[in-house]
Amino acid sequence: MSTIARGMATELRRLDREFESLPANVRAASSELKRLIDQGQFAFGGSGFGKPFDPKALGGELEAVGTRLTIGLTAPIVAAGTAAVKLGSDFESGFAGVAKTVEASDAELATIRGQLLNLSTEIPATTTQLNRIAAAAGQLGVSVPNITKFTRTISALGVAADGLSVEEAAIGLSRFQNVLGTAQRDVDRTASSLVALGNNFAANEREILQVSQRLAADGRQIRLSEGAVLGFGTALTAAGVGAEAGGSAFSKLFLDIQSEVAKGGEKLDEFAKIAERSTSEFAELFRKDAAEAVTLFIEGLGRMDAASGESTLALETLGLTEVRLRNAILSTANAGDLLRRSILTGNDAFRENTALTREAQQRYATFASQSQVLFQRLQKVAIDVFEKTLRPLLVGTVFPAIDLVLSGIELTVAVLNTLPAPVKRGAVAFGVLLAAVGPLVVGMGGLLTTIGTVSKSLQAGGALATGIDAVTARFNISKAAITGWGLALAGLSIVIVAFKDELAGATAAILDFETAQQQQRNIQSII
């Protein structure tokens, strides 16, 4: 057993004996304190104005100030920092999806990032939504210069169009344009045409887009414009023709007329006759403006059906006998000028490019949208703080420090795992001794409060003061001699009693550790 361990054990036994004499010392100290206070000669830790120090009152005041600072200053700062880290981290994770799908340089990605953040302060769309649309744009093959415009357009279409989600709008519009060969920069024009048709006819944007996608490939073959294809899709939807049936019927009609114009023949004469044009006029018109030629045929078929009911026979002559095909064509033909008006609206809206902006602005002007934009401006500030301040601090300073601590813990555990069992027990015992420091400090805090309470009781007229008077008079104790050390010993004894078991356990652990060390030395000497 080492000298240190024996000394600690001896000291613990001595302190235990001191505790036995504590009551007498407390009585003596209390009597002397009471005398000095009555004479005005004692101010425990005086403030400089002759007022006695009140630890309990000071502790209460400090606690109140600390509580106010925590609520009014610390908590808001911590909350703001936490929110900034959360928002910044979420945006960074979302934009990682954009970087994954968009083939761009670091500089180009930085530009897109800034544009998306700025866009979030202009329209009521969250950065998460904008990142998701931009990532979809990359997957759909949208070029880098058009990513932000595509994102803005699809976001606006999401609030302006009926029945069309953002995801459906992004995929549907992109595929529609790809099939027709529409320039990516004209995505807003296509969206404006779609919105205008949805606003003016008995069809919503989702239905129109579904039918139009089915017509797009064959519509391109006969050189239909974007507005015209969307117009055909609108007319079919408004006439009650389903997307699959309508798309198949008119795609076949487009290709049949194209084939007859290319080779000539009796069927071309029949198409021209129904359209009330000569064969050459109809063929020339189809080559220049296929949408107008098809419209003339559909309108002529409608007039024929109203006049003589021979439209079905005419379709049989043209080889258009499949039931769904015939029903789709006749439904559209009997809808009057619906097809002509749809195509005209689609083309005009594509050219003017105002319908989407006008519809979206009406939604953006609502209180809810304006409130969201204001909140997103605040979010942008938080994201900027995260990117420029908090992230560098965390990644450059805090994370390495934590990593260093964790590495130390891992190394310590690894070393402990290689030690003999007695040494491990000694190390654990030493940890228990260190753990007792916290409760010891808490006990000292409680002692300080107790002293404050006792000091008040010692003032003239107090219950404790009256009792002390009687005791000191009975035993004639010298009060001045024990005033300082008696009180200190009392406090120390209280702490010792409170943590007597902990100290005894720590001493035993140290002795165990010493025994383990001696065993290890004996083994080493034998080896």
Protein backbone atom coordinates (compact mmCIF):
# COMPACT_ATOMS: atom_id res chain seq x y z
CA MET A 1 0.00 0.00 0.00
CA SER A 2 1.40 3.39 -0.97
CA THR A 3 1.98 6.25 1.43
CA ILE A 4 -0.71 8.33 -0.34
CA ALA A 5 -3.39 5.70 0.08
CA ARG A 6 -2.54 5.15 3.78
CA GLY A 7 -2.55 8.88 4.31
CA MET A 8 -6.03 9.27 2.78
CA ALA A 9 -7.42 6.48 4.94
CA THR A 10 -5.91 8.05 8.09
CA GLU A 11 -7.30 11.48 7.14
CA LEU A 12 -10.77 10.04 6.66
CA ARG A 13 -10.72 8.50 10.14
CA ARG A 14 -9.51 11.81 11.60
CA LEU A 15 -12.32 13.74 9.93
CA ASP A 16 -14.80 11.23 11.31
CA ARG A 17 -13.56 11.94 14.81
CA GLU A 18 -13.84 15.67 14.19
CA PHE A 19 -17.46 15.14 13.22
CA GLU A 20 -18.14 13.69 16.68
CA SER A 21 -17.12 17.04 18.25
CA LEU A 22 -19.12 19.10 15.73
CA PRO A 23 -22.16 19.89 17.98
CA ALA A 24 -20.01 21.50 20.67
CA ASN A 25 -18.08 23.56 18.13
CA VAL A 26 -21.29 24.74 16.43
CA ARG A 27 -22.71 25.87 19.78
CA ALA A 28 -19.58 27.82 20.56
CA ALA A 29 -19.34 29.39 17.09
CA SER A 30 -23.00 30.34 17.06
CA SER A 31 -22.75 32.08 20.43
CA GLU A 32 -19.75 34.12 19.32
CA LEU A 33 -21.44 35.10 16.03
CA LYS A 34 -24.50 36.25 17.90
CA ARG A 35 -22.43 38.42 20.22
CA LEU A 36 -20.52 40.07 17.38
CA ILE A 37 -23.67 40.72 15.35
CA ASP A 38 -25.43 42.28 18.34
CA GLN A 39 -22.49 44.61 18.89
CA GLY A 40 -22.39 45.55 15.15
CA GLN A 41 -18.77 44.41 14.94
CA PHE A 42 -19.29 41.54 12.49
CA ALA A 43 -20.43 41.72 8.86
CA PHE A 44 -19.87 38.40 7.17
CA GLY A 45 -18.41 39.28 3.77
CA GLY A 46 -19.67 42.83 4.21
CA SER A 47 -20.72 44.88 1.20
CA GLY A 48 -18.76 47.91 2.31
CA PHE A 49 -21.82 49.69 3.70
CA GLY A 50 -21.97 47.91 7.01
CA LYS A 51 -24.68 45.49 5.90
CA PRO A 52 -24.27 41.78 6.65
CA PHE A 53 -23.72 39.50 3.70
CA ASP A 54 -26.77 37.37 2.90
CA PRO A 55 -25.67 34.41 0.75
CA LYS A 56 -29.21 33.14 0.32
CA ALA A 57 -30.50 36.49 -0.93
CA LEU A 58 -27.51 36.91 -3.26
CA GLY A 59 -28.04 33.43 -4.64
CA GLY A 60 -31.70 34.20 -5.31
CA GLU A 61 -30.86 37.46 -7.08
CA LEU A 62 -28.21 35.81 -9.23
CA GLU A 63 -30.61 33.03 -10.12
CA ALA A 64 -33.27 35.55 -11.16
CA VAL A 65 -30.81 37.51 -13.31
CA GLY A 66 -29.55 34.32 -14.89
CA THR A 67 -33.09 33.19 -15.64
CA ARG A 68 -33.93 36.52 -17.31
CA LEU A 69 -30.74 36.41 -19.38
CA THR A 70 -31.43 32.82 -20.39
CA ILE A 71 -34.98 33.58 -21.50
CA GLY A 72 -34.30 36.96 -23.08
CA LEU A 73 -30.85 36.45 -24.58
CA THR A 74 -29.37 32.95 -24.46
CA ALA A 75 -32.45 31.02 -25.59
CA PRO A 76 -33.20 33.25 -28.62
CA ILE A 77 -29.55 33.15 -29.73
CA VAL A 78 -29.39 29.38 -29.40
CA ALA A 79 -32.76 28.99 -31.16
CA ALA A 80 -31.72 31.28 -34.01
CA GLY A 81 -28.41 29.47 -34.43
CA THR A 82 -30.11 26.08 -34.39
CA ALA A 83 -32.69 27.23 -36.94
CA ALA A 84 -29.97 28.64 -39.20
CA VAL A 85 -28.05 25.36 -39.09
CA LYS A 86 -31.24 23.36 -39.80
CA LEU A 87 -32.33 25.57 -42.73
CA GLY A 88 -28.84 25.79 -44.17
CA SER A 89 -28.28 22.06 -43.85
CA ASP A 90 -31.64 21.27 -45.49
CA PHE A 91 -30.91 23.61 -48.39
CA GLU A 92 -27.43 22.16 -48.83
CA SER A 93 -28.85 18.62 -48.89
CA GLY A 94 -31.56 19.60 -51.36
CA PHE A 95 -29.15 21.37 -53.67
CA ALA A 96 -26.93 18.30 -53.64
CA GLY A 97 -29.69 16.67 -55.69
CA VAL A 98 -29.44 19.50 -58.22
CA ALA A 99 -25.67 19.12 -58.45
CA LYS A 100 -26.14 15.39 -58.99
CA THR A 101 -28.48 15.71 -61.99
CA VAL A 102 -27.27 18.92 -63.63
CA GLU A 103 -24.06 18.64 -65.59
CA ALA A 104 -22.46 21.96 -64.71
CA SER A 105 -19.18 23.38 -63.46
CA ASP A 106 -18.73 24.57 -59.87
CA ALA A 107 -19.13 28.17 -61.01
CA GLU A 108 -22.33 27.36 -62.88
CA LEU A 109 -23.72 25.47 -59.89
CA ALA A 110 -22.91 28.44 -57.64
CA THR A 111 -24.84 30.68 -60.04
CA ILE A 112 -27.84 28.35 -60.05
CA ARG A 113 -27.71 28.13 -56.26
CA GLY A 114 -27.83 31.91 -55.92
CA GLN A 115 -30.64 32.18 -58.47
CA LEU A 116 -32.75 29.60 -56.65
CA LEU A 117 -32.25 31.36 -53.33
CA ASN A 118 -33.24 34.70 -54.85
CA LEU A 119 -36.23 33.07 -56.52
CA SER A 120 -37.44 31.83 -53.12
CA THR A 121 -37.74 35.49 -52.00
CA GLU A 122 -39.85 36.42 -55.05
CA ILE A 123 -42.44 33.64 -55.26
CA PRO A 124 -44.18 31.56 -52.55
CA ALA A 125 -42.20 28.40 -53.21
CA THR A 126 -39.85 26.96 -50.61
CA THR A 127 -36.20 26.27 -51.35
CA THR A 128 -36.96 22.58 -50.93
CA GLN A 129 -39.59 22.73 -53.70
CA LEU A 130 -37.32 24.77 -55.96
CA ASN A 131 -34.42 22.37 -55.47
CA ARG A 132 -36.68 19.44 -56.30
CA ILE A 133 -37.89 21.08 -59.54
CA ALA A 134 -34.34 22.05 -60.54
CA ALA A 135 -33.15 18.49 -59.92
CA ALA A 136 -36.00 17.18 -62.09
CA ALA A 137 -35.00 19.66 -64.79
CA GLY A 138 -31.51 18.18 -64.81
CA GLN A 139 -32.91 14.67 -65.12
CA LEU A 140 -35.15 15.78 -67.99
CA GLY A 141 -32.21 17.18 -69.91
CA VAL A 142 -32.83 20.90 -69.40
CA SER A 143 -29.64 22.80 -70.18
CA VAL A 144 -27.81 24.82 -67.53
CA PRO A 145 -28.83 28.29 -68.82
CA ASN A 146 -32.52 27.29 -68.69
CA ILE A 147 -32.60 25.54 -65.29
CA THR A 148 -33.77 28.58 -63.32
CA LYS A 149 -36.35 29.62 -65.93
CA PHE A 150 -37.73 26.09 -66.07
CA THR A 151 -37.91 26.03 -62.25
CA ARG A 152 -39.74 29.36 -62.08
CA THR A 153 -42.21 28.31 -64.80
CA ILE A 154 -43.04 24.94 -63.29
CA SER A 155 -43.41 26.48 -59.82
CA ALA A 156 -45.83 29.08 -61.23
CA LEU A 157 -47.71 26.40 -63.16
CA GLY A 158 -48.09 24.44 -59.95
CA VAL A 159 -50.15 27.26 -58.40
CA ALA A 160 -51.88 28.49 -61.58
CA ALA A 161 -52.98 25.18 -63.11
CA ASP A 162 -55.88 23.08 -61.87
CA GLY A 163 -55.34 19.42 -61.08
CA LEU A 164 -51.69 19.49 -62.10
CA SER A 165 -48.98 18.82 -59.52
CA VAL A 166 -45.50 20.29 -59.76
CA GLU A 167 -44.00 16.89 -60.56
CA GLU A 168 -46.58 16.19 -63.28
CA ALA A 169 -46.07 19.64 -64.77
CA ALA A 170 -42.28 19.26 -64.88
CA ILE A 171 -42.31 15.82 -66.47
CA GLY A 172 -45.30 16.38 -68.77
CA LEU A 173 -44.24 19.78 -70.10
CA SER A 174 -40.64 18.71 -70.60
CA ARG A 175 -41.58 15.57 -72.52
CA PHE A 176 -44.17 17.46 -74.58
CA GLN A 177 -41.55 20.00 -75.64
CA ASN A 178 -38.92 17.34 -76.30
CA VAL A 179 -41.25 15.46 -78.65
CA LEU A 180 -42.28 18.61 -80.52
CA GLY A 181 -38.72 19.91 -80.60
CA THR A 182 -39.68 23.10 -78.77
CA ALA A 183 -36.79 25.30 -77.61
CA GLN A 184 -36.23 24.97 -73.87
CA ARG A 185 -36.26 28.73 -73.47
CA ASP A 186 -39.93 28.71 -74.60
CA VAL A 187 -41.13 26.64 -71.67
CA ASP A 188 -42.97 29.66 -70.26
CA ARG A 189 -44.81 30.13 -73.59
CA THR A 190 -45.95 26.51 -73.64
CA ALA A 191 -47.10 26.85 -70.02
CA SER A 192 -48.98 30.09 -70.85
CA SER A 193 -50.79 28.35 -73.70
CA LEU A 194 -51.74 25.48 -71.41
CA VAL A 195 -53.07 27.82 -68.69
CA ALA A 196 -55.04 29.94 -71.16
CA LEU A 197 -56.76 26.86 -72.56
CA GLY A 198 -57.52 25.54 -69.08
CA ASN A 199 -59.06 28.88 -68.12
CA ASN A 200 -61.29 29.23 -71.19
CA PHE A 201 -62.59 25.73 -71.92
CA ALA A 202 -64.27 22.84 -70.11
CA ALA A 203 -60.99 21.06 -69.49
CA ASN A 204 -58.31 21.36 -66.83
CA GLU A 205 -54.60 21.61 -67.51
CA ARG A 206 -53.83 18.08 -66.39
CA GLU A 207 -56.33 16.55 -68.86
CA ILE A 208 -55.20 18.81 -71.70
CA LEU A 209 -51.56 17.91 -71.16
CA GLN A 210 -52.29 14.17 -71.05
CA VAL A 211 -54.10 14.20 -74.43
CA SER A 212 -51.58 16.59 -75.97
CA GLN A 213 -48.69 14.32 -75.06
CA ARG A 214 -50.35 11.52 -77.03
CA LEU A 215 -50.78 13.81 -80.04
CA ALA A 216 -47.32 15.37 -79.91
CA ALA A 217 -45.33 12.79 -81.91
CA ASP A 218 -47.73 12.65 -84.86
CA GLY A 219 -48.44 16.36 -84.52
CA ARG A 220 -44.77 17.00 -85.15
CA GLN A 221 -44.92 14.82 -88.27
CA ILE A 222 -47.44 17.22 -89.84
CA ARG A 223 -45.67 20.29 -88.39
CA LEU A 224 -48.33 21.38 -85.89
CA SER A 225 -47.37 24.23 -83.53
CA GLU A 226 -47.32 23.84 -79.75
CA GLY A 227 -50.49 25.92 -79.45
CA ALA A 228 -52.23 23.85 -82.10
CA VAL A 229 -51.40 20.50 -80.45
CA LEU A 230 -52.60 21.84 -77.11
CA GLY A 231 -55.70 23.16 -78.88
CA PHE A 232 -56.50 19.71 -80.29
CA GLY A 233 -55.99 18.23 -76.81
CA THR A 234 -58.35 20.83 -75.33
CA ALA A 235 -61.08 20.25 -77.92
CA LEU A 236 -60.99 16.48 -77.45
CA THR A 237 -61.12 16.82 -73.64
CA ALA A 238 -63.93 19.40 -73.71
CA ALA A 239 -65.90 17.19 -76.14
CA GLY A 240 -65.76 14.37 -73.61
CA VAL A 241 -63.29 12.17 -75.46
CA GLY A 242 -60.85 10.29 -73.23
CA ALA A 243 -57.11 10.83 -73.44
CA GLU A 244 -56.32 7.40 -74.85
CA ALA A 245 -59.19 7.26 -77.36
CA GLY A 246 -58.80 10.87 -78.47
CA GLY A 247 -55.04 10.66 -78.82
CA SER A 248 -55.20 7.46 -80.86
CA ALA A 249 -58.05 8.68 -83.10
CA PHE A 250 -56.56 11.99 -84.12
CA SER A 251 -53.04 10.60 -84.43
CA LYS A 252 -54.39 8.15 -87.02
CA LEU A 253 -56.34 10.93 -88.72
CA PHE A 254 -53.20 13.10 -88.99
CA LEU A 255 -51.17 10.31 -90.56
CA ASP A 256 -53.94 9.19 -92.94
CA ILE A 257 -54.40 12.68 -94.36
CA GLN A 258 -50.62 13.11 -94.62
CA SER A 259 -50.33 9.83 -96.50
CA GLU A 260 -53.13 10.72 -98.94
CA VAL A 261 -51.66 14.16 -99.60
CA ALA A 262 -48.31 12.58 -100.33
CA LYS A 263 -49.58 9.97 -102.81
CA GLY A 264 -52.91 11.43 -104.01
CA GLY A 265 -55.91 9.29 -104.86
CA GLU A 266 -59.61 8.85 -104.24
CA LYS A 267 -59.40 9.24 -100.45
CA LEU A 268 -57.71 12.63 -100.84
CA ASP A 269 -60.63 13.69 -103.02
CA GLU A 270 -63.04 12.59 -100.27
CA PHE A 271 -61.11 14.49 -97.57
CA ALA A 272 -61.16 17.62 -99.77
CA LYS A 273 -64.87 17.18 -100.56
CA ILE A 274 -65.82 17.00 -96.86
CA ALA A 275 -63.63 20.08 -96.17
CA GLU A 276 -65.42 21.84 -99.06
CA ARG A 277 -62.16 22.49 -100.92
CA SER A 278 -60.76 21.27 -104.17
CA THR A 279 -58.27 18.43 -103.99
CA SER A 280 -55.33 20.66 -104.88
CA GLU A 281 -56.40 23.42 -102.48
CA PHE A 282 -56.80 20.98 -99.63
CA ALA A 283 -53.43 19.33 -100.34
CA GLU A 284 -51.66 22.69 -100.51
CA LEU A 285 -53.36 23.92 -97.34
CA PHE A 286 -52.35 20.77 -95.45
CA ARG A 287 -48.71 21.26 -96.46
CA LYS A 288 -48.72 24.87 -95.24
CA ASP A 289 -51.12 24.73 -92.29
CA ALA A 290 -52.09 21.21 -91.33
CA ALA A 291 -54.10 22.40 -88.32
CA GLU A 292 -56.37 24.51 -90.52
CA ALA A 293 -56.84 21.69 -93.07
CA VAL A 294 -57.80 19.19 -90.34
CA THR A 295 -60.13 21.76 -88.76
CA LEU A 296 -61.90 22.30 -92.10
CA PHE A 297 -62.37 18.54 -92.44
CA ILE A 298 -63.80 18.21 -88.89
CA GLU A 299 -66.14 21.19 -89.36
CA GLY A 300 -67.33 19.83 -92.76
CA LEU A 301 -67.98 16.44 -91.18
CA GLY A 302 -70.09 18.13 -88.52
CA ARG A 303 -72.15 19.97 -91.12
CA MET A 304 -72.61 16.74 -93.04
CA ASP A 305 -73.84 14.91 -89.95
CA ALA A 306 -76.28 17.70 -89.12
CA ALA A 307 -77.64 17.89 -92.66
CA SER A 308 -77.91 14.31 -93.83
CA GLY A 309 -76.48 12.03 -91.12
CA GLU A 310 -74.11 10.54 -93.68
CA SER A 311 -70.94 11.29 -91.69
CA THR A 312 -70.58 7.68 -90.60
CA LEU A 313 -70.75 6.51 -94.20
CA ALA A 314 -68.15 9.10 -95.18
CA LEU A 315 -65.77 7.84 -92.50
CA GLU A 316 -66.25 4.29 -93.71
CA THR A 317 -65.31 5.44 -97.21
CA LEU A 318 -62.10 6.90 -95.76
CA GLY A 319 -61.32 3.66 -93.93
CA LEU A 320 -61.92 5.23 -90.48
CA THR A 321 -64.20 2.47 -89.22
CA GLU A 322 -62.83 1.58 -85.76
CA VAL A 323 -65.52 2.38 -83.21
CA ARG A 324 -63.45 4.47 -80.79
CA LEU A 325 -61.82 6.30 -83.67
CA ARG A 326 -65.15 7.13 -85.28
CA ASN A 327 -66.75 8.23 -82.00
CA ALA A 328 -63.84 10.53 -81.15
CA ILE A 329 -63.92 12.24 -84.56
CA LEU A 330 -67.71 12.62 -84.60
CA SER A 331 -67.81 13.94 -80.99
CA THR A 332 -65.38 16.67 -81.94
CA ALA A 333 -67.17 17.34 -85.25
CA ASN A 334 -70.51 17.82 -83.47
CA ALA A 335 -69.00 20.34 -80.99
CA GLY A 336 -69.33 23.20 -83.49
CA ASP A 337 -66.39 25.59 -83.62
CA LEU A 338 -64.82 24.19 -80.43
CA LEU A 339 -61.74 22.90 -82.27
CA ARG A 340 -61.16 26.17 -84.16
CA ARG A 341 -61.48 28.27 -81.00
CA SER A 342 -59.19 25.96 -79.04
CA ILE A 343 -56.43 26.08 -81.64
CA LEU A 344 -56.74 29.87 -81.97
CA THR A 345 -56.55 30.36 -78.17
CA GLY A 346 -53.57 28.04 -77.86
CA ASN A 347 -51.58 29.80 -80.58
CA ASP A 348 -52.42 33.30 -79.33
CA ALA A 349 -51.48 32.46 -75.74
CA PHE A 350 -48.18 30.93 -76.87
CA ARG A 351 -47.33 34.07 -78.82
CA GLU A 352 -48.43 36.57 -76.12
CA ASN A 353 -46.89 34.63 -73.22
CA THR A 354 -48.92 36.39 -70.54
CA ALA A 355 -51.54 33.92 -69.31
CA LEU A 356 -49.27 32.08 -66.88
CA THR A 357 -47.82 35.25 -65.38
CA ARG A 358 -51.25 36.84 -64.98
CA GLU A 359 -52.76 33.77 -63.33
CA ALA A 360 -49.76 33.20 -61.03
CA GLN A 361 -49.66 36.83 -59.92
CA GLN A 362 -53.27 36.56 -58.76
CA ARG A 363 -52.26 33.66 -56.53
CA TYR A 364 -49.06 35.38 -55.39
CA ALA A 365 -51.03 38.47 -54.30
CA THR A 366 -52.93 36.60 -51.57
CA PHE A 367 -52.10 37.21 -47.92
CA ALA A 368 -50.92 33.63 -47.46
CA SER A 369 -48.53 33.89 -50.39
CA GLN A 370 -47.17 37.26 -49.27
CA SER A 371 -46.63 35.94 -45.76
CA GLN A 372 -44.76 32.94 -47.13
CA VAL A 373 -42.50 35.15 -49.23
CA LEU A 374 -41.62 37.26 -46.18
CA PHE A 375 -40.82 34.15 -44.18
CA GLN A 376 -38.67 32.84 -47.02
CA ARG A 377 -36.70 36.08 -47.09
CA LEU A 378 -35.91 35.44 -43.44
CA GLN A 379 -34.95 31.87 -44.34
CA LYS A 380 -32.56 33.15 -47.00
CA VAL A 381 -30.82 35.29 -44.37
CA ALA A 382 -30.51 32.23 -42.12
CA ILE A 383 -29.11 30.15 -44.98
CA ASP A 384 -26.57 32.87 -45.80
CA VAL A 385 -25.48 33.00 -42.14
CA PHE A 386 -25.07 29.23 -42.16
CA GLU A 387 -23.10 29.17 -45.42
CA LYS A 388 -20.78 32.09 -44.66
CA THR A 389 -20.34 31.86 -40.88
CA LEU A 390 -21.72 28.84 -39.05
CA ARG A 391 -20.73 26.14 -41.51
CA PRO A 392 -17.07 27.23 -41.74
CA LEU A 393 -16.95 27.51 -37.94
CA LEU A 394 -18.51 24.11 -37.36
CA VAL A 395 -16.58 22.28 -40.07
CA GLY A 396 -13.29 24.08 -39.52
CA THR A 397 -13.17 24.29 -35.71
CA VAL A 398 -15.93 22.50 -33.82
CA PHE A 399 -15.97 19.24 -35.77
CA PRO A 400 -12.16 18.79 -35.61
CA ALA A 401 -12.27 19.44 -31.85
CA ILE A 402 -15.04 16.89 -31.38
CA ASP A 403 -13.16 14.48 -33.62
CA LEU A 404 -10.06 14.92 -31.48
CA VAL A 405 -12.02 14.24 -28.29
CA LEU A 406 -13.64 11.17 -29.80
CA SER A 407 -10.26 9.93 -30.99
CA GLY A 408 -8.93 10.33 -27.45
CA ILE A 409 -11.88 8.42 -26.02
CA GLU A 410 -11.44 5.65 -28.58
CA LEU A 411 -7.72 5.43 -27.77
CA THR A 412 -8.41 5.36 -24.04
CA VAL A 413 -10.95 2.58 -24.41
CA ALA A 414 -8.55 0.63 -26.62
CA VAL A 415 -5.77 0.96 -24.01
CA LEU A 416 -8.09 0.01 -21.13
CA ASN A 417 -9.19 -3.09 -23.00
CA THR A 418 -5.56 -4.31 -23.09
CA LEU A 419 -4.95 -3.88 -19.32
CA PRO A 420 -5.25 -6.68 -16.71
CA ALA A 421 -8.58 -6.93 -14.89
CA PRO A 422 -7.32 -5.49 -11.52
CA VAL A 423 -5.92 -2.44 -13.29
CA LYS A 424 -9.24 -1.93 -15.10
CA ARG A 425 -11.03 -1.98 -11.73
CA GLY A 426 -8.60 0.58 -10.38
CA ALA A 427 -9.20 2.87 -13.35
CA VAL A 428 -12.94 2.60 -12.88
CA ALA A 429 -12.56 3.42 -9.19
CA PHE A 430 -10.56 6.52 -10.05
CA GLY A 431 -13.38 7.56 -12.41
CA VAL A 432 -15.85 7.18 -9.56
CA LEU A 433 -13.67 9.46 -7.44
CA LEU A 434 -13.73 12.11 -10.16
CA ALA A 435 -17.48 11.72 -10.51
CA ALA A 436 -17.86 12.67 -6.83
CA VAL A 437 -16.56 16.17 -7.57
CA GLY A 438 -19.91 17.29 -9.00
CA PRO A 439 -22.00 16.28 -5.98
CA LEU A 440 -19.36 17.84 -3.75
CA VAL A 441 -19.79 21.20 -5.47
CA VAL A 442 -23.57 20.88 -5.17
CA GLY A 443 -23.13 20.22 -1.47
CA MET A 444 -21.03 23.35 -1.11
CA GLY A 445 -23.79 25.34 -2.78
CA GLY A 446 -26.29 23.97 -0.30
CA LEU A 447 -23.94 24.82 2.53
CA LEU A 448 -23.77 28.43 1.34
CA THR A 449 -27.56 28.68 1.43
CA THR A 450 -27.65 27.11 4.87
CA ILE A 451 -25.13 29.63 6.16
CA GLY A 452 -27.35 32.44 4.93
CA THR A 453 -30.32 31.00 6.77
CA VAL A 454 -28.32 30.43 9.97
CA SER A 455 -26.96 33.99 9.85
CA LYS A 456 -30.48 35.38 9.91
CA SER A 457 -31.39 33.10 12.81
CA LEU A 458 -28.40 34.39 14.75
CA GLN A 459 -29.62 37.97 14.72
CA ALA A 460 -31.05 39.38 17.92
CA GLY A 461 -34.37 37.83 18.75
CA GLY A 462 -33.87 34.83 16.48
CA ALA A 463 -34.72 31.37 17.75
CA LEU A 464 -31.18 30.09 17.27
CA ALA A 465 -29.68 33.19 18.92
CA THR A 466 -31.85 32.71 22.03
CA GLY A 467 -30.81 29.07 22.30
CA ILE A 468 -27.14 29.96 21.89
CA ASP A 469 -27.38 32.54 24.70
CA ALA A 470 -28.60 29.90 27.09
CA VAL A 471 -25.96 27.35 26.11
CA THR A 472 -22.99 29.76 26.23
CA ALA A 473 -24.09 31.13 29.57
CA ARG A 474 -24.30 27.60 30.96
CA PHE A 475 -20.85 26.46 29.75
CA ASN A 476 -19.02 29.84 29.69
CA ILE A 477 -17.38 29.09 26.27
CA SER A 478 -14.83 31.52 24.81
CA LYS A 479 -16.66 32.66 21.67
CA ALA A 480 -14.01 34.81 19.98
CA ALA A 481 -11.52 31.93 19.89
CA ILE A 482 -13.73 29.68 17.77
CA THR A 483 -15.66 32.14 15.59
CA GLY A 484 -13.80 31.57 12.29
CA TRP A 485 -12.49 28.01 12.48
CA GLY A 486 -15.55 26.65 14.22
CA LEU A 487 -17.88 27.74 11.44
CA ALA A 488 -15.51 26.47 8.75
CA LEU A 489 -15.15 23.13 10.50
CA ALA A 490 -18.92 22.88 10.76
CA GLY A 491 -19.35 23.36 7.04
CA LEU A 492 -16.54 20.95 6.21
CA SER A 493 -17.98 18.33 8.53
CA ILE A 494 -21.39 18.60 6.88
CA VAL A 495 -19.81 18.00 3.47
CA ILE A 496 -17.79 15.08 4.83
CA VAL A 497 -20.88 13.48 6.30
CA ALA A 498 -22.81 14.00 3.07
CA PHE A 499 -20.10 12.34 1.01
CA LYS A 500 -18.67 9.99 3.59
CA ASP A 501 -19.69 6.91 1.61
CA GLU A 502 -18.25 8.32 -1.61
CA LEU A 503 -14.91 9.09 0.03
CA ALA A 504 -14.78 5.65 1.62
CA GLY A 505 -15.52 4.04 -1.74
CA ALA A 506 -12.87 6.14 -3.45
CA THR A 507 -10.30 5.18 -0.80
CA ALA A 508 -11.09 1.50 -1.25
CA ALA A 509 -10.77 1.90 -5.00
CA ILE A 510 -7.35 3.52 -4.62
CA LEU A 511 -6.20 0.68 -2.34
CA ASP A 512 -7.49 -1.80 -4.91
CA PHE A 513 -5.58 0.01 -7.65
CA GLU A 514 -2.38 -0.08 -5.53
CA THR A 515 -2.82 -3.83 -5.02
CA ALA A 516 -3.27 -4.33 -8.77
CA GLN A 517 -0.11 -2.36 -9.48
CA GLN A 518 1.86 -4.48 -6.97
CA GLN A 519 0.54 -7.68 -8.55
CA GLN A 520 1.58 -6.46 -11.99
CA ARG A 521 5.09 -5.64 -10.69
CA ASN A 522 5.34 -9.10 -9.13
CA ILE A 523 4.35 -10.74 -12.44
CA GLN A 524 6.86 -8.63 -14.36
CA SER A 525 9.64 -9.57 -11.90
CA ILE A 526 8.85 -13.29 -12.35
CA ILE A 527 8.87 -12.96 -16.12
